[in-house]
């Protein structure tokens, strides 16, 4: 499972609980070779992910996004739409929807903290896996 696969999976898990068997199928279709057991272990320890026994399967869901997660999701969407970047944080700020009020310094800090983003050179932001 790559960070990009997980990031694409999150909106589905936030919309409604999904059976682990279906989540595993989606992850496999996205190119991951993880077993169902590996996926279950990962989801068990992933922050904000909830597992609940449901019949013969397990229901997987994700909680609501924090403002920081919403901002990161928007930044990743902008970078994906532009081939993964690199883009300067000032350019990203201009492309963000109006509900996001942030600074260049905050975007750089969020980039340093997120596993799928990289800050390099003269402060450019790049998406590491934009497949």
C-alpha atoms as a PDB file:
ATOM      1  CA  UNK A   1       0.000   0.000   0.000  1.00  0.00           C
ATOM      2  CA  UNK A   2       1.405   3.353  -0.987  1.00  0.00           C
ATOM      3  CA  UNK A   3       0.493   6.701   0.567  1.00  0.00           C
ATOM      4  CA  UNK A   4      -1.320   7.609  -2.660  1.00  0.00           C
ATOM      5  CA  UNK A   5      -3.487   4.469  -2.525  1.00  0.00           C
ATOM      6  CA  UNK A   6      -4.382   5.159   1.113  1.00  0.00           C
ATOM      7  CA  UNK A   7      -5.162   8.812   0.362  1.00  0.00           C
ATOM      8  CA  UNK A   8      -7.503   7.768  -2.477  1.00  0.00           C
ATOM      9  CA  UNK A   9      -9.189   5.222  -0.194  1.00  0.00           C
ATOM     10  CA  UNK A  10      -9.976   7.671   2.631  1.00  0.00           C
ATOM     11  CA  UNK A  11     -12.910   9.509   0.994  1.00  0.00           C
ATOM     12  CA  UNK A  12     -14.644   6.160   0.389  1.00  0.00           C
ATOM     13  CA  UNK A  13     -14.155   5.141   4.027  1.00  0.00           C
ATOM     14  CA  UNK A  14     -15.425   8.525   5.228  1.00  0.00           C
ATOM     15  CA  UNK A  15     -18.584   8.274   3.108  1.00  0.00           C
ATOM     16  CA  UNK A  16     -19.804   4.982   4.616  1.00  0.00           C
ATOM     17  CA  UNK A  17     -18.435   1.823   6.236  1.00  0.00           C
ATOM     18  CA  UNK A  18     -17.009  -0.646   3.714  1.00  0.00           C
ATOM     19  CA  UNK A  19     -16.428  -4.371   4.216  1.00  0.00           C
ATOM     20  CA  UNK A  20     -12.754  -5.273   4.657  1.00  0.00           C
ATOM     21  CA  UNK A  21     -13.071  -7.728   1.757  1.00  0.00           C
ATOM     22  CA  UNK A  22     -14.159  -4.838  -0.496  1.00  0.00           C
ATOM     23  CA  UNK A  23     -11.418  -2.550   0.823  1.00  0.00           C
ATOM     24  CA  UNK A  24      -8.883  -5.281   0.085  1.00  0.00           C
ATOM     25  CA  UNK A  25     -10.229  -5.645  -3.462  1.00  0.00           C
ATOM     26  CA  UNK A  26      -9.994  -1.866  -4.020  1.00  0.00           C
ATOM     27  CA  UNK A  27      -6.439  -1.772  -2.695  1.00  0.00           C
ATOM     28  CA  UNK A  28      -5.416  -4.699  -4.914  1.00  0.00           C
ATOM     29  CA  UNK A  29      -7.004  -3.034  -7.972  1.00  0.00           C
ATOM     30  CA  UNK A  30      -4.929   0.063  -7.189  1.00  0.00           C
ATOM     31  CA  UNK A  31      -1.732  -1.957  -7.494  1.00  0.00           C
ATOM     32  CA  UNK A  32      -0.971  -3.074  -3.940  1.00  0.00           C
ATOM     33  CA  UNK A  33       0.129  -6.654  -3.350  1.00  0.00           C
ATOM     34  CA  UNK A  34      -0.759  -6.613   0.359  1.00  0.00           C
ATOM     35  CA  UNK A  35      -2.611  -9.578   1.775  1.00  0.00           C
ATOM     36  CA  UNK A  36      -5.914  -9.125   3.569  1.00  0.00           C
ATOM     37  CA  UNK A  37      -4.111  -9.765   6.880  1.00  0.00           C
ATOM     38  CA  UNK A  38      -1.487  -7.086   6.169  1.00  0.00           C
ATOM     39  CA  UNK A  39      -4.222  -4.615   5.247  1.00  0.00           C
ATOM     40  CA  UNK A  40      -6.185  -5.407   8.402  1.00  0.00           C
ATOM     41  CA  UNK A  41      -3.092  -4.859  10.583  1.00  0.00           C
ATOM     42  CA  UNK A  42      -2.365  -1.548   8.865  1.00  0.00           C
ATOM     43  CA  UNK A  43      -5.961  -0.357   9.250  1.00  0.00           C
ATOM     44  CA  UNK A  44      -5.985  -1.433  12.909  1.00  0.00           C
ATOM     45  CA  UNK A  45      -3.177   1.007  13.747  1.00  0.00           C
ATOM     46  CA  UNK A  46      -3.980   3.777  11.231  1.00  0.00           C
ATOM     47  CA  UNK A  47      -5.164   6.952  12.993  1.00  0.00           C
ATOM     48  CA  UNK A  48      -8.840   7.760  12.482  1.00  0.00           C
ATOM     49  CA  UNK A  49      -9.714   4.335  11.038  1.00  0.00           C
ATOM     50  CA  UNK A  50     -12.381   2.267  12.789  1.00  0.00           C
ATOM     51  CA  UNK A  51     -12.900  -1.500  12.458  1.00  0.00           C
ATOM     52  CA  UNK A  52     -16.096  -3.213  13.595  1.00  0.00           C
ATOM     53  CA  UNK A  53     -17.096  -6.886  13.321  1.00  0.00           C
ATOM     54  CA  UNK A  54     -20.048  -7.280  11.000  1.00  0.00           C
ATOM     55  CA  UNK A  55     -21.221 -10.831  10.307  1.00  0.00           C
ATOM     56  CA  UNK A  56     -18.429 -12.781   8.647  1.00  0.00           C
ATOM     57  CA  UNK A  57     -16.544  -9.637   7.683  1.00  0.00           C
ATOM     58  CA  UNK A  58     -15.228  -6.430   9.249  1.00  0.00           C
ATOM     59  CA  UNK A  59     -16.668  -2.981   8.533  1.00  0.00           C
ATOM     60  CA  UNK A  60     -13.998  -0.337   7.937  1.00  0.00           C
ATOM     61  CA  UNK A  61     -14.738   3.378   8.286  1.00  0.00           C
ATOM     62  CA  UNK A  62     -12.880   6.637   8.787  1.00  0.00           C
ATOM     63  CA  UNK A  63     -13.773   9.547  11.032  1.00  0.00           C
ATOM     64  CA  UNK A  64     -14.318  13.104   9.884  1.00  0.00           C
ATOM     65  CA  UNK A  65     -11.358  15.089   8.597  1.00  0.00           C
ATOM     66  CA  UNK A  66      -9.621  17.630  10.766  1.00  0.00           C
ATOM     67  CA  UNK A  67      -9.027  21.090   9.237  1.00  0.00           C
ATOM     68  CA  UNK A  68      -5.379  20.099   8.729  1.00  0.00           C
ATOM     69  CA  UNK A  69      -6.396  16.887   6.910  1.00  0.00           C
ATOM     70  CA  UNK A  70      -8.810  18.849   4.717  1.00  0.00           C
ATOM     71  CA  UNK A  71      -6.033  21.293   3.810  1.00  0.00           C
ATOM     72  CA  UNK A  72      -3.616  18.459   3.034  1.00  0.00           C
ATOM     73  CA  UNK A  73      -6.236  16.754   0.869  1.00  0.00           C
ATOM     74  CA  UNK A  74      -6.765  20.006  -1.055  1.00  0.00           C
ATOM     75  CA  UNK A  75      -3.002  20.486  -1.537  1.00  0.00           C
ATOM     76  CA  UNK A  76      -2.609  16.902  -2.764  1.00  0.00           C
ATOM     77  CA  UNK A  77      -5.518  17.419  -5.171  1.00  0.00           C
ATOM     78  CA  UNK A  78      -3.878  20.554  -6.588  1.00  0.00           C
ATOM     79  CA  UNK A  79      -0.553  18.779  -7.024  1.00  0.00           C
ATOM     80  CA  UNK A  80      -2.189  15.725  -8.655  1.00  0.00           C
ATOM     81  CA  UNK A  81      -4.005  17.989 -11.108  1.00  0.00           C
ATOM     82  CA  UNK A  82      -0.626  19.451 -12.086  1.00  0.00           C
ATOM     83  CA  UNK A  83       1.265  16.204 -12.584  1.00  0.00           C
ATOM     84  CA  UNK A  84       2.638  16.012  -9.052  1.00  0.00           C
ATOM     85  CA  UNK A  85       4.362  19.375  -9.051  1.00  0.00           C
ATOM     86  CA  UNK A  86       6.699  20.850  -8.078  1.00  0.00           C
ATOM     87  CA  UNK A  87       4.866  24.024  -7.170  1.00  0.00           C
ATOM     88  CA  UNK A  88       5.820  26.922  -4.940  1.00  0.00           C
ATOM     89  CA  UNK A  89       3.641  27.216  -1.799  1.00  0.00           C
ATOM     90  CA  UNK A  90       2.551  30.712  -2.914  1.00  0.00           C
ATOM     91  CA  UNK A  91       1.140  29.212  -6.118  1.00  0.00           C
ATOM     92  CA  UNK A  92      -0.597  26.459  -4.128  1.00  0.00           C
ATOM     93  CA  UNK A  93      -2.147  29.112  -1.848  1.00  0.00           C
ATOM     94  CA  UNK A  94      -3.589  30.921  -4.882  1.00  0.00           C
ATOM     95  CA  UNK A  95      -5.124  27.670  -6.163  1.00  0.00           C
ATOM     96  CA  UNK A  96      -6.690  26.623  -2.850  1.00  0.00           C
ATOM     97  CA  UNK A  97     -10.463  26.975  -2.445  1.00  0.00           C
ATOM     98  CA  UNK A  98     -11.508  30.133  -0.585  1.00  0.00           C
ATOM     99  CA  UNK A  99     -12.362  28.271   2.655  1.00  0.00           C
ATOM    100  CA  UNK A 100      -8.640  27.651   3.282  1.00  0.00           C
ATOM    101  CA  UNK A 101      -6.864  30.568   4.923  1.00  0.00           C
ATOM    102  CA  UNK A 102      -3.221  29.572   5.298  1.00  0.00           C
ATOM    103  CA  UNK A 103       0.292  30.933   5.021  1.00  0.00           C
ATOM    104  CA  UNK A 104       3.313  29.854   3.032  1.00  0.00           C
ATOM    105  CA  UNK A 105       5.022  28.880   6.300  1.00  0.00           C
ATOM    106  CA  UNK A 106       2.059  26.687   7.302  1.00  0.00           C
ATOM    107  CA  UNK A 107       2.030  24.967   3.896  1.00  0.00           C
ATOM    108  CA  UNK A 108       5.747  24.241   4.213  1.00  0.00           C
ATOM    109  CA  UNK A 109       5.249  22.833   7.726  1.00  0.00           C
ATOM    110  CA  UNK A 110       2.366  20.610   6.568  1.00  0.00           C
ATOM    111  CA  UNK A 111       4.472  19.411   3.639  1.00  0.00           C
ATOM    112  CA  UNK A 112       7.310  18.375   5.957  1.00  0.00           C
ATOM    113  CA  UNK A 113       4.864  16.360   8.099  1.00  0.00           C
ATOM    114  CA  UNK A 114       3.056  14.485   5.310  1.00  0.00           C
ATOM    115  CA  UNK A 115       4.478  11.222   3.969  1.00  0.00           C
ATOM    116  CA  UNK A 116       3.308  11.788   0.385  1.00  0.00           C
ATOM    117  CA  UNK A 117       4.764  15.295   0.017  1.00  0.00           C
ATOM    118  CA  UNK A 118       8.314  16.559  -0.275  1.00  0.00           C
ATOM    119  CA  UNK A 119       9.751  20.035   0.208  1.00  0.00           C
ATOM    120  CA  UNK A 120      12.930  20.641  -1.758  1.00  0.00           C
ATOM    121  CA  UNK A 121      15.079  23.206  -3.555  1.00  0.00           C
ATOM    122  CA  UNK A 122      13.902  26.785  -3.147  1.00  0.00           C
ATOM    123  CA  UNK A 123      10.883  25.725  -1.088  1.00  0.00           C
ATOM    124  CA  UNK A 124       9.027  23.798  -3.791  1.00  0.00           C
ATOM    125  CA  UNK A 125       6.353  21.225  -2.926  1.00  0.00           C
ATOM    126  CA  UNK A 126       6.163  17.929  -4.795  1.00  0.00           C
ATOM    127  CA  UNK A 127       3.820  14.948  -4.586  1.00  0.00           C
ATOM    128  CA  UNK A 128       5.942  11.812  -4.202  1.00  0.00           C
ATOM    129  CA  UNK A 129       3.474   9.302  -5.667  1.00  0.00           C
ATOM    130  CA  UNK A 130       0.909  10.820  -7.990  1.00  0.00           C
ATOM    131  CA  UNK A 131      -0.105   7.647  -9.820  1.00  0.00           C
END
